[in-house]
Amino acid sequence: MPVLRLRADDEAALIEALPMLRGADEAGAPCWLTAGPVCDLDPIGPLALTAPVTDPETGEVTEPAVVDERWHANLRGPRIGADPVEWEAIVAAAEPYTLSEVNNPRRRFML
């Protein structure tokens, strides 16, 4: 299955673009649907580009992590038997946030 890697200025932008991937948890709070009939979603949020450097003796952080504060998510689909029209609607809605090329993906779906 292809993976779309998404990046937006904030989570609200993807919530607005992809309402079909939203639901409610057991308490009724809004949440992402991470596994659905059409695709899987891995909501990541801000992404660490480099790890912090720490002093091995003291554990003190000597150089902070470099973090891309924009909001990231990975989208994998379509699932076998998924409605192709629904998948195409998701792809079209995600298009403004889809990265065309990622040379070093930080997270991958496990098979």
PDB file of N, CA and C in Angstrom:
ATOM      1  N   MET A   1       0.838  -1.182   0.000  1.00  0.00           N
ATOM      2  CA  MET A   1       0.000   0.000   0.000  1.00  0.00           C
ATOM      3  C   MET A   1       0.881   1.243   0.000  1.00  0.00           C
ATOM      4  N   PRO A   2       0.511   2.220  -0.763  1.00  0.00           N
ATOM      5  CA  PRO A   2       1.283   3.466  -0.746  1.00  0.00           C
ATOM      6  C   PRO A   2       1.103   4.215   0.576  1.00  0.00           C
ATOM      7  N   VAL A   3       2.122   4.983   0.926  1.00  0.00           N
ATOM      8  CA  VAL A   3       2.079   5.817   2.130  1.00  0.00           C
ATOM      9  C   VAL A   3       2.176   7.278   1.706  1.00  0.00           C
ATOM     10  N   LEU A   4       1.233   8.078   2.165  1.00  0.00           N
ATOM     11  CA  LEU A   4       1.285   9.521   1.964  1.00  0.00           C
ATOM     12  C   LEU A   4       1.834  10.132   3.243  1.00  0.00           C
ATOM     13  N   ARG A   5       2.856  10.937   3.110  1.00  0.00           N
ATOM     14  CA  ARG A   5       3.425  11.631   4.262  1.00  0.00           C
ATOM     15  C   ARG A   5       2.919  13.066   4.231  1.00  0.00           C
ATOM     16  N   LEU A   6       2.238  13.455   5.303  1.00  0.00           N
ATOM     17  CA  LEU A   6       1.562  14.746   5.351  1.00  0.00           C
ATOM     18  C   LEU A   6       2.262  15.690   6.324  1.00  0.00           C
ATOM     19  N   ARG A   7       2.231  16.977   5.992  1.00  0.00           N
ATOM     20  CA  ARG A   7       2.766  18.006   6.889  1.00  0.00           C
ATOM     21  C   ARG A   7       1.904  19.257   6.742  1.00  0.00           C
ATOM     22  N   ALA A   8       1.466  19.789   7.877  1.00  0.00           N
ATOM     23  CA  ALA A   8       0.661  21.017   7.906  1.00  0.00           C
ATOM     24  C   ALA A   8       1.219  21.936   8.986  1.00  0.00           C
ATOM     25  N   ASP A   9       0.831  23.202   8.930  1.00  0.00           N
ATOM     26  CA  ASP A   9       1.297  24.140   9.953  1.00  0.00           C
ATOM     27  C   ASP A   9       0.868  23.716  11.347  1.00  0.00           C
ATOM     28  N   ASP A  10      -0.336  23.133  11.450  1.00  0.00           N
ATOM     29  CA  ASP A  10      -0.820  22.661  12.746  1.00  0.00           C
ATOM     30  C   ASP A  10      -1.848  21.551  12.526  1.00  0.00           C
ATOM     31  N   GLU A  11      -2.202  20.881  13.619  1.00  0.00           N
ATOM     32  CA  GLU A  11      -3.150  19.774  13.530  1.00  0.00           C
ATOM     33  C   GLU A  11      -4.511  20.242  13.033  1.00  0.00           C
ATOM     34  N   ALA A  12      -4.904  21.449  13.400  1.00  0.00           N
ATOM     35  CA  ALA A  12      -6.218  21.966  12.996  1.00  0.00           C
ATOM     36  C   ALA A  12      -6.386  21.971  11.480  1.00  0.00           C
ATOM     37  N   ALA A  13      -5.313  22.228  10.753  1.00  0.00           N
ATOM     38  CA  ALA A  13      -5.397  22.241   9.286  1.00  0.00           C
ATOM     39  C   ALA A  13      -5.754  20.858   8.753  1.00  0.00           C
ATOM     40  N   LEU A  14      -5.152  19.813   9.316  1.00  0.00           N
ATOM     41  CA  LEU A  14      -5.475  18.458   8.852  1.00  0.00           C
ATOM     42  C   LEU A  14      -6.845  18.014   9.346  1.00  0.00           C
ATOM     43  N   ILE A  15      -7.240  18.459  10.529  1.00  0.00           N
ATOM     44  CA  ILE A  15      -8.590  18.150  11.012  1.00  0.00           C
ATOM     45  C   ILE A  15      -9.623  18.727  10.047  1.00  0.00           C
ATOM     46  N   GLU A  16      -9.399  19.954   9.607  1.00  0.00           N
ATOM     47  CA  GLU A  16     -10.328  20.591   8.670  1.00  0.00           C
ATOM     48  C   GLU A  16     -10.319  19.895   7.311  1.00  0.00           C
ATOM     49  N   ALA A  17      -9.145  19.484   6.843  1.00  0.00           N
ATOM     50  CA  ALA A  17      -9.032  18.865   5.518  1.00  0.00           C
ATOM     51  C   ALA A  17      -9.541  17.431   5.490  1.00  0.00           C
ATOM     52  N   LEU A  18      -9.410  16.717   6.605  1.00  0.00           N
ATOM     53  CA  LEU A  18      -9.704  15.280   6.620  1.00  0.00           C
ATOM     54  C   LEU A  18     -10.757  14.909   7.670  1.00  0.00           C
ATOM     55  N   PRO A  19     -11.940  15.504   7.631  1.00  0.00           N
ATOM     56  CA  PRO A  19     -12.952  15.175   8.643  1.00  0.00           C
ATOM     57  C   PRO A  19     -13.401  13.720   8.565  1.00  0.00           C
ATOM     58  N   MET A  20     -13.225  13.095   7.402  1.00  0.00           N
ATOM     59  CA  MET A  20     -13.629  11.702   7.250  1.00  0.00           C
ATOM     60  C   MET A  20     -12.727  10.745   8.026  1.00  0.00           C
ATOM     61  N   LEU A  21     -11.610  11.239   8.538  1.00  0.00           N
ATOM     62  CA  LEU A  21     -10.699  10.411   9.334  1.00  0.00           C
ATOM     63  C   LEU A  21     -10.791  10.751  10.819  1.00  0.00           C
ATOM     64  N   ARG A  22     -11.867  11.410  11.205  1.00  0.00           N
ATOM     65  CA  ARG A  22     -12.083  11.782  12.598  1.00  0.00           C
ATOM     66  C   ARG A  22     -13.245  10.986  13.173  1.00  0.00           C
ATOM     67  N   GLY A  23     -13.195  10.761  14.459  1.00  0.00           N
ATOM     68  CA  GLY A  23     -14.256  10.061  15.165  1.00  0.00           C
ATOM     69  C   GLY A  23     -14.266  10.532  16.605  1.00  0.00           C
ATOM     70  N   ALA A  24     -14.829   9.711  17.481  1.00  0.00           N
ATOM     71  CA  ALA A  24     -14.868  10.019  18.908  1.00  0.00           C
ATOM     72  C   ALA A  24     -14.375   8.806  19.680  1.00  0.00           C
ATOM     73  N   ASP A  25     -13.640   9.067  20.770  1.00  0.00           N
ATOM     74  CA  ASP A  25     -13.174   7.966  21.606  1.00  0.00           C
ATOM     75  C   ASP A  25     -14.294   7.527  22.546  1.00  0.00           C
ATOM     76  N   GLU A  26     -13.993   6.582  23.446  1.00  0.00           N
ATOM     77  CA  GLU A  26     -15.023   6.026  24.326  1.00  0.00           C
ATOM     78  C   GLU A  26     -15.624   7.073  25.265  1.00  0.00           C
ATOM     79  N   ALA A  27     -14.901   8.156  25.505  1.00  0.00           N
ATOM     80  CA  ALA A  27     -15.423   9.241  26.352  1.00  0.00           C
ATOM     81  C   ALA A  27     -16.152  10.304  25.530  1.00  0.00           C
ATOM     82  N   GLY A  28     -16.200  10.113  24.219  1.00  0.00           N
ATOM     83  CA  GLY A  28     -16.877  11.069  23.351  1.00  0.00           C
ATOM     84  C   GLY A  28     -16.003  12.212  22.860  1.00  0.00           C
ATOM     85  N   ALA A  29     -14.712  12.178  23.213  1.00  0.00           N
ATOM     86  CA  ALA A  29     -13.793  13.235  22.770  1.00  0.00           C
ATOM     87  C   ALA A  29     -13.389  12.998  21.320  1.00  0.00           C
ATOM     88  N   PRO A  30     -13.257  14.054  20.522  1.00  0.00           N
ATOM     89  CA  PRO A  30     -12.841  13.876  19.131  1.00  0.00           C
ATOM     90  C   PRO A  30     -11.431  13.297  19.052  1.00  0.00           C
ATOM     91  N   CYS A  31     -11.224  12.434  18.070  1.00  0.00           N
ATOM     92  CA  CYS A  31      -9.911  11.807  17.896  1.00  0.00           C
ATOM     93  C   CYS A  31      -9.736  11.385  16.438  1.00  0.00           C
ATOM     94  N   TRP A  32      -8.506  11.044  16.105  1.00  0.00           N
ATOM     95  CA  TRP A  32      -8.212  10.500  14.775  1.00  0.00           C
ATOM     96  C   TRP A  32      -8.609   9.029  14.729  1.00  0.00           C
ATOM     97  N   LEU A  33      -9.139   8.592  13.594  1.00  0.00           N
ATOM     98  CA  LEU A  33      -9.412   7.172  13.360  1.00  0.00           C
ATOM     99  C   LEU A  33      -8.137   6.586  12.766  1.00  0.00           C
ATOM    100  N   THR A  34      -7.372   5.878  13.576  1.00  0.00           N
ATOM    101  CA  THR A  34      -6.066   5.405  13.119  1.00  0.00           C
ATOM    102  C   THR A  34      -6.157   4.167  12.242  1.00  0.00           C
ATOM    103  N   ALA A  35      -7.225   3.403  12.365  1.00  0.00           N
ATOM    104  CA  ALA A  35      -7.431   2.235  11.505  1.00  0.00           C
ATOM    105  C   ALA A  35      -8.887   2.244  11.071  1.00  0.00           C
ATOM    106  N   GLY A  36      -9.103   2.379   9.788  1.00  0.00           N
ATOM    107  CA  GLY A  36     -10.468   2.452   9.289  1.00  0.00           C
ATOM    108  C   GLY A  36     -10.673   1.538   8.105  1.00  0.00           C
ATOM    109  N   PRO A  37     -11.850   1.538   7.538  1.00  0.00           N
ATOM    110  CA  PRO A  37     -12.147   0.649   6.419  1.00  0.00           C
ATOM    111  C   PRO A  37     -11.434   1.036   5.130  1.00  0.00           C
ATOM    112  N   VAL A  38     -10.972   2.288   5.036  1.00  0.00           N
ATOM    113  CA  VAL A  38     -10.346   2.755   3.800  1.00  0.00           C
ATOM    114  C   VAL A  38      -8.828   2.828   3.926  1.00  0.00           C
ATOM    115  N   CYS A  39      -8.336   3.288   5.091  1.00  0.00           N
ATOM    116  CA  CYS A  39      -6.894   3.493   5.241  1.00  0.00           C
ATOM    117  C   CYS A  39      -6.498   3.497   6.712  1.00  0.00           C
ATOM    118  N   ASP A  40      -5.192   3.531   6.951  1.00  0.00           N
ATOM    119  CA  ASP A  40      -4.621   3.654   8.289  1.00  0.00           C
ATOM    120  C   ASP A  40      -3.985   5.029   8.410  1.00  0.00           C
ATOM    121  N   LEU A  41      -4.037   5.605   9.603  1.00  0.00           N
ATOM    122  CA  LEU A  41      -3.455   6.918   9.849  1.00  0.00           C
ATOM    123  C   LEU A  41      -2.523   6.833  11.051  1.00  0.00           C
ATOM    124  N   ASP A  42      -1.330   7.380  10.902  1.00  0.00           N
ATOM    125  CA  ASP A  42      -0.360   7.474  11.992  1.00  0.00           C
ATOM    126  C   ASP A  42      -0.174   8.953  12.307  1.00  0.00           C
ATOM    127  N   PRO A  43      -0.927   9.494  13.286  1.00  0.00           N
ATOM    128  CA  PRO A  43      -0.757  10.902  13.639  1.00  0.00           C
ATOM    129  C   PRO A  43       0.543  11.082  14.421  1.00  0.00           C
ATOM    130  N   ILE A  44       1.425  11.929  13.934  1.00  0.00           N
ATOM    131  CA  ILE A  44       2.754  12.084  14.533  1.00  0.00           C
ATOM    132  C   ILE A  44       2.857  13.375  15.329  1.00  0.00           C
ATOM    133  N   GLY A  45       2.417  14.485  14.772  1.00  0.00           N
ATOM    134  CA  GLY A  45       2.585  15.774  15.429  1.00  0.00           C
ATOM    135  C   GLY A  45       3.932  16.372  15.087  1.00  0.00           C
ATOM    136  N   PRO A  46       4.515  17.195  15.985  1.00  0.00           N
ATOM    137  CA  PRO A  46       5.848  17.738  15.733  1.00  0.00           C
ATOM    138  C   PRO A  46       6.858  16.602  15.594  1.00  0.00           C
ATOM    139  N   LEU A  47       7.884  16.826  14.788  1.00  0.00           N
ATOM    140  CA  LEU A  47       8.823  15.762  14.436  1.00  0.00           C
ATOM    141  C   LEU A  47      10.241  16.152  14.832  1.00  0.00           C
ATOM    142  N   ALA A  48      10.882  15.310  15.637  1.00  0.00           N
ATOM    143  CA  ALA A  48      12.279  15.554  16.016  1.00  0.00           C
ATOM    144  C   ALA A  48      13.175  15.264  14.818  1.00  0.00           C
ATOM    145  N   LEU A  49      13.950  16.258  14.424  1.00  0.00           N
ATOM    146  CA  LEU A  49      14.874  16.093  13.300  1.00  0.00           C
ATOM    147  C   LEU A  49      16.228  15.585  13.773  1.00  0.00           C
ATOM    148  N   THR A  50      16.633  15.999  14.962  1.00  0.00           N
ATOM    149  CA  THR A  50      17.861  15.484  15.580  1.00  0.00           C
ATOM    150  C   THR A  50      17.581  15.254  17.054  1.00  0.00           C
ATOM    151  N   ALA A  51      18.245  14.288  17.614  1.00  0.00           N
ATOM    152  CA  ALA A  51      18.103  13.993  19.044  1.00  0.00           C
ATOM    153  C   ALA A  51      18.898  15.010  19.859  1.00  0.00           C
ATOM    154  N   PRO A  52      18.501  15.215  21.113  1.00  0.00           N
ATOM    155  CA  PRO A  52      19.301  16.105  21.946  1.00  0.00           C
ATOM    156  C   PRO A  52      20.649  15.457  22.267  1.00  0.00           C
ATOM    157  N   VAL A  53      21.636  16.289  22.505  1.00  0.00           N
ATOM    158  CA  VAL A  53      22.952  15.802  22.922  1.00  0.00           C
ATOM    159  C   VAL A  53      23.017  15.959  24.436  1.00  0.00           C
ATOM    160  N   THR A  54      23.353  14.877  25.115  1.00  0.00           N
ATOM    161  CA  THR A  54      23.450  14.924  26.575  1.00  0.00           C
ATOM    162  C   THR A  54      24.852  14.569  27.031  1.00  0.00           C
ATOM    163  N   ASP A  55      25.230  15.144  28.143  1.00  0.00           N
ATOM    164  CA  ASP A  55      26.512  14.825  28.763  1.00  0.00           C
ATOM    165  C   ASP A  55      26.378  13.437  29.383  1.00  0.00           C
ATOM    166  N   PRO A  56      27.222  12.473  28.989  1.00  0.00           N
ATOM    167  CA  PRO A  56      27.080  11.112  29.504  1.00  0.00           C
ATOM    168  C   PRO A  56      27.335  11.013  31.011  1.00  0.00           C
ATOM    169  N   GLU A  57      28.069  11.941  31.555  1.00  0.00           N
ATOM    170  CA  GLU A  57      28.392  11.901  32.986  1.00  0.00           C
ATOM    171  C   GLU A  57      27.249  12.461  33.836  1.00  0.00           C
ATOM    172  N   THR A  58      26.678  13.576  33.382  1.00  0.00           N
ATOM    173  CA  THR A  58      25.676  14.266  34.204  1.00  0.00           C
ATOM    174  C   THR A  58      24.249  14.063  33.712  1.00  0.00           C
ATOM    175  N   GLY A  59      24.097  13.662  32.457  1.00  0.00           N
ATOM    176  CA  GLY A  59      22.767  13.542  31.869  1.00  0.00           C
ATOM    177  C   GLY A  59      22.188  14.881  31.456  1.00  0.00           C
ATOM    178  N   GLU A  60      22.955  15.956  31.640  1.00  0.00           N
ATOM    179  CA  GLU A  60      22.502  17.296  31.278  1.00  0.00           C
ATOM    180  C   GLU A  60      22.459  17.442  29.756  1.00  0.00           C
ATOM    181  N   VAL A  61      21.407  18.059  29.268  1.00  0.00           N
ATOM    182  CA  VAL A  61      21.289  18.323  27.834  1.00  0.00           C
ATOM    183  C   VAL A  61      22.238  19.465  27.491  1.00  0.00           C
ATOM    184  N   THR A  62      23.195  19.166  26.613  1.00  0.00           N
ATOM    185  CA  THR A  62      24.163  20.190  26.203  1.00  0.00           C
ATOM    186  C   THR A  62      23.771  20.838  24.882  1.00  0.00           C
ATOM    187  N   GLU A  63      22.966  20.146  24.128  1.00  0.00           N
ATOM    188  CA  GLU A  63      22.463  20.684  22.861  1.00  0.00           C
ATOM    189  C   GLU A  63      21.039  20.170  22.682  1.00  0.00           C
ATOM    190  N   PRO A  64      20.054  21.062  22.594  1.00  0.00           N
ATOM    191  CA  PRO A  64      18.668  20.600  22.491  1.00  0.00           C
ATOM    192  C   PRO A  64      18.388  19.929  21.146  1.00  0.00           C
ATOM    193  N   ALA A  65      17.340  19.135  21.151  1.00  0.00           N
ATOM    194  CA  ALA A  65      16.885  18.510  19.911  1.00  0.00           C
ATOM    195  C   ALA A  65      16.423  19.591  18.940  1.00  0.00           C
ATOM    196  N   VAL A  66      16.563  19.301  17.661  1.00  0.00           N
ATOM    197  CA  VAL A  66      16.005  20.172  16.630  1.00  0.00           C
ATOM    198  C   VAL A  66      14.655  19.563  16.253  1.00  0.00           C
ATOM    199  N   VAL A  67      13.597  20.347  16.407  1.00  0.00           N
ATOM    200  CA  VAL A  67      12.243  19.844  16.198  1.00  0.00           C
ATOM    201  C   VAL A  67      11.540  20.679  15.131  1.00  0.00           C
ATOM    202  N   ASP A  68      10.924  19.989  14.170  1.00  0.00           N
ATOM    203  CA  ASP A  68      10.043  20.643  13.201  1.00  0.00           C
ATOM    204  C   ASP A  68       8.678  20.709  13.876  1.00  0.00           C
ATOM    205  N   GLU A  69       8.264  21.894  14.288  1.00  0.00           N
ATOM    206  CA  GLU A  69       7.044  22.070  15.076  1.00  0.00           C
ATOM    207  C   GLU A  69       5.762  21.921  14.262  1.00  0.00           C
ATOM    208  N   ARG A  70       5.881  21.825  12.943  1.00  0.00           N
ATOM    209  CA  ARG A  70       4.675  21.616  12.137  1.00  0.00           C
ATOM    210  C   ARG A  70       4.091  20.244  12.479  1.00  0.00           C
ATOM    211  N   TRP A  71       2.855  20.003  12.024  1.00  0.00           N
ATOM    212  CA  TRP A  71       2.158  18.774  12.386  1.00  0.00           C
ATOM    213  C   TRP A  71       2.295  17.757  11.260  1.00  0.00           C
ATOM    214  N   HIS A  72       2.732  16.546  11.595  1.00  0.00           N
ATOM    215  CA  HIS A  72       2.997  15.492  10.622  1.00  0.00           C
ATOM    216  C   HIS A  72       2.074  14.294  10.856  1.00  0.00           C
ATOM    217  N   ALA A  73       1.788  13.575   9.779  1.00  0.00           N
ATOM    218  CA  ALA A  73       1.014  12.335   9.849  1.00  0.00           C
ATOM    219  C   ALA A  73       1.374  11.482   8.638  1.00  0.00           C
ATOM    220  N   ASN A  74       1.263  10.172   8.800  1.00  0.00           N
ATOM    221  CA  ASN A  74       1.431   9.240   7.688  1.00  0.00           C
ATOM    222  C   ASN A  74       0.080   8.585   7.424  1.00  0.00           C
ATOM    223  N   LEU A  75      -0.240   8.429   6.166  1.00  0.00           N
ATOM    224  CA  LEU A  75      -1.515   7.866   5.743  1.00  0.00           C
ATOM    225  C   LEU A  75      -1.219   6.716   4.792  1.00  0.00           C
ATOM    226  N   ARG A  76      -1.727   5.516   5.111  1.00  0.00           N
ATOM    227  CA  ARG A  76      -1.470   4.347   4.270  1.00  0.00           C
ATOM    228  C   ARG A  76      -2.792   3.766   3.788  1.00  0.00           C
ATOM    229  N   GLY A  77      -2.860   3.511   2.484  1.00  0.00           N
ATOM    230  CA  GLY A  77      -4.075   2.940   1.934  1.00  0.00           C
ATOM    231  C   GLY A  77      -3.947   2.771   0.434  1.00  0.00           C
ATOM    232  N   PRO A  78      -4.959   2.354  -0.232  1.00  0.00           N
ATOM    233  CA  PRO A  78      -6.231   1.924   0.332  1.00  0.00           C
ATOM    234  C   PRO A  78      -6.147   0.489   0.849  1.00  0.00           C
ATOM    235  N   ARG A  79      -7.002   0.177   1.790  1.00  0.00           N
ATOM    236  CA  ARG A  79      -7.096  -1.203   2.281  1.00  0.00           C
ATOM    237  C   ARG A  79      -7.752  -2.069   1.203  1.00  0.00           C
ATOM    238  N   ILE A  80      -7.473  -3.346   1.249  1.00  0.00           N
ATOM    239  CA  ILE A  80      -8.108  -4.288   0.318  1.00  0.00           C
ATOM    240  C   ILE A  80      -9.620  -4.215   0.522  1.00  0.00           C
ATOM    241  N   GLY A  81     -10.338  -4.055  -0.548  1.00  0.00           N
ATOM    242  CA  GLY A  81     -11.791  -3.977  -0.496  1.00  0.00           C
ATOM    243  C   GLY A  81     -12.341  -2.595  -0.196  1.00  0.00           C
ATOM    244  N   ALA A  82     -11.448  -1.617  -0.011  1.00  0.00           N
ATOM    245  CA  ALA A  82     -11.913  -0.252   0.279  1.00  0.00           C
ATOM    246  C   ALA A  82     -12.597   0.335  -0.947  1.00  0.00           C
ATOM    247  N   ASP A  83     -13.540   1.212  -0.692  1.00  0.00           N
ATOM    248  CA  ASP A  83     -14.230   1.913  -1.769  1.00  0.00           C
ATOM    249  C   ASP A  83     -13.234   2.862  -2.441  1.00  0.00           C
ATOM    250  N   PRO A  84     -12.934   2.658  -3.737  1.00  0.00           N
ATOM    251  CA  PRO A  84     -11.954   3.515  -4.404  1.00  0.00           C
ATOM    252  C   PRO A  84     -12.361   4.987  -4.447  1.00  0.00           C
ATOM    253  N   VAL A  85     -13.644   5.267  -4.476  1.00  0.00           N
ATOM    254  CA  VAL A  85     -14.105   6.659  -4.486  1.00  0.00           C
ATOM    255  C   VAL A  85     -13.774   7.325  -3.146  1.00  0.00           C
ATOM    256  N   GLU A  86     -13.976   6.591  -2.046  1.00  0.00           N
ATOM    257  CA  GLU A  86     -13.638   7.137  -0.725  1.00  0.00           C
ATOM    258  C   GLU A  86     -12.136   7.380  -0.611  1.00  0.00           C
ATOM    259  N   TRP A  87     -11.324   6.437  -1.107  1.00  0.00           N
ATOM    260  CA  TRP A  87      -9.869   6.603  -1.060  1.00  0.00           C
ATOM    261  C   TRP A  87      -9.441   7.825  -1.873  1.00  0.00           C
ATOM    262  N   GLU A  88      -9.974   7.971  -3.067  1.00  0.00           N
ATOM    263  CA  GLU A  88      -9.615   9.119  -3.903  1.00  0.00           C
ATOM    264  C   GLU A  88     -10.028  10.438  -3.251  1.00  0.00           C
ATOM    265  N   ALA A  89     -11.142  10.439  -2.531  1.00  0.00           N
ATOM    266  CA  ALA A  89     -11.569  11.652  -1.820  1.00  0.00           C
ATOM    267  C   ALA A  89     -10.575  12.005  -0.713  1.00  0.00           C
ATOM    268  N   ILE A  90     -10.064  10.999  -0.016  1.00  0.00           N
ATOM    269  CA  ILE A  90      -9.062  11.228   1.031  1.00  0.00           C
ATOM    270  C   ILE A  90      -7.772  11.750   0.417  1.00  0.00           C
ATOM    271  N   VAL A  91      -7.320  11.120  -0.659  1.00  0.00           N
ATOM    272  CA  VAL A  91      -6.086  11.552  -1.333  1.00  0.00           C
ATOM    273  C   VAL A  91      -6.225  12.995  -1.815  1.00  0.00           C
ATOM    274  N   ALA A  92      -7.368  13.325  -2.400  1.00  0.00           N
ATOM    275  CA  ALA A  92      -7.585  14.690  -2.898  1.00  0.00           C
ATOM    276  C   ALA A  92      -7.593  15.699  -1.749  1.00  0.00           C
ATOM    277  N   ALA A  93      -8.231  15.352  -0.638  1.00  0.00           N
ATOM    278  CA  ALA A  93      -8.286  16.265   0.508  1.00  0.00           C
ATOM    279  C   ALA A  93      -6.912  16.448   1.143  1.00  0.00           C
ATOM    280  N   ALA A  94      -6.091  15.404   1.100  1.00  0.00           N
ATOM    281  CA  ALA A  94      -4.751  15.453   1.700  1.00  0.00           C
ATOM    282  C   ALA A  94      -3.721  16.102   0.786  1.00  0.00           C
ATOM    283  N   GLU A  95      -4.040  16.245  -0.486  1.00  0.00           N
ATOM    284  CA  GLU A  95      -3.060  16.688  -1.488  1.00  0.00           C
ATOM    285  C   GLU A  95      -2.311  17.971  -1.120  1.00  0.00           C
ATOM    286  N   PRO A  96      -2.961  19.014  -0.597  1.00  0.00           N
ATOM    287  CA  PRO A  96      -2.202  20.233  -0.271  1.00  0.00           C
ATOM    288  C   PRO A  96      -1.151  20.020   0.822  1.00  0.00           C
ATOM    289  N   TYR A  97      -1.272  18.937   1.573  1.00  0.00           N
ATOM    290  CA  TYR A  97      -0.368  18.670   2.694  1.00  0.00           C
ATOM    291  C   TYR A  97       0.568  17.494   2.434  1.00  0.00           C
ATOM    292  N   THR A  98       0.464  16.882   1.255  1.00  0.00           N
ATOM    293  CA  THR A  98       1.254  15.698   0.943  1.00  0.00           C
ATOM    294  C   THR A  98       2.642  16.097   0.471  1.00  0.00           C
ATOM    295  N   LEU A  99       3.649  15.505   1.096  1.00  0.00           N
ATOM    296  CA  LEU A  99       5.033  15.748   0.694  1.00  0.00           C
ATOM    297  C   LEU A  99       5.333  14.882  -0.515  1.00  0.00           C
ATOM    298  N   SER A 100       5.885  15.464  -1.550  1.00  0.00           N
ATOM    299  CA  SER A 100       6.132  14.710  -2.779  1.00  0.00           C
ATOM    300  C   SER A 100       7.321  13.772  -2.642  1.00  0.00           C
ATOM    301  N   GLU A 101       8.291  14.151  -1.843  1.00  0.00           N
ATOM    302  CA  GLU A 101       9.473  13.303  -1.701  1.00  0.00           C
ATOM    303  C   GLU A 101      10.006  13.421  -0.280  1.00  0.00           C
ATOM    304  N   VAL A 102      10.234  12.279   0.344  1.00  0.00           N
ATOM    305  CA  VAL A 102      10.818  12.250   1.682  1.00  0.00           C
ATOM    306  C   VAL A 102      12.035  11.347   1.601  1.00  0.00           C
ATOM    307  N   ASN A 103      13.210  11.943   1.712  1.00  0.00           N
ATOM    308  CA  ASN A 103      14.441  11.166   1.573  1.00  0.00           C
ATOM    309  C   ASN A 103      14.754  10.319   2.792  1.00  0.00           C
ATOM    310  N   ASN A 104      14.319  10.756   3.960  1.00  0.00           N
ATOM    311  CA  ASN A 104      14.661  10.058   5.188  1.00  0.00           C
ATOM    312  C   ASN A 104      13.449  10.029   6.115  1.00  0.00           C
ATOM    313  N   PRO A 105      12.458   9.162   5.816  1.00  0.00           N
ATOM    314  CA  PRO A 105      11.265   9.141   6.661  1.00  0.00           C
ATOM    315  C   PRO A 105      11.624   8.777   8.100  1.00  0.00           C
ATOM    316  N   ARG A 106      11.016   9.462   9.058  1.00  0.00           N
ATOM    317  CA  ARG A 106      11.323   9.228  10.466  1.00  0.00           C
ATOM    318  C   ARG A 106      10.493   8.098  11.062  1.00  0.00           C
ATOM    319  N   ARG A 107       9.298   7.880  10.521  1.00  0.00           N
ATOM    320  CA  ARG A 107       8.449   6.805  11.032  1.00  0.00           C
ATOM    321  C   ARG A 107       7.880   6.052   9.853  1.00  0.00           C
ATOM    322  N   ARG A 108       7.751   4.751  10.045  1.00  0.00           N
ATOM    323  CA  ARG A 108       7.198   3.893   8.989  1.00  0.00           C
ATOM    324  C   ARG A 108       6.158   2.971   9.600  1.00  0.00           C
ATOM    325  N   PHE A 109       5.188   2.581   8.796  1.00  0.00           N
ATOM    326  CA  PHE A 109       4.226   1.585   9.232  1.00  0.00           C
ATOM    327  C   PHE A 109       4.931   0.241   9.309  1.00  0.00           C
ATOM    328  N   MET A 110       4.625  -0.527  10.331  1.00  0.00           N
ATOM    329  CA  MET A 110       5.177  -1.877  10.457  1.00  0.00           C
ATOM    330  C   MET A 110       4.262  -2.836   9.697  1.00  0.00           C
ATOM    331  N   LEU A 111       4.864  -3.769   8.989  1.00  0.00           N
ATOM    332  CA  LEU A 111       4.065  -4.745   8.240  1.00  0.00           C
ATOM    333  C   LEU A 111       3.650  -5.885   9.115  1.00  0.00           C
TER     334      LEU A 111
END
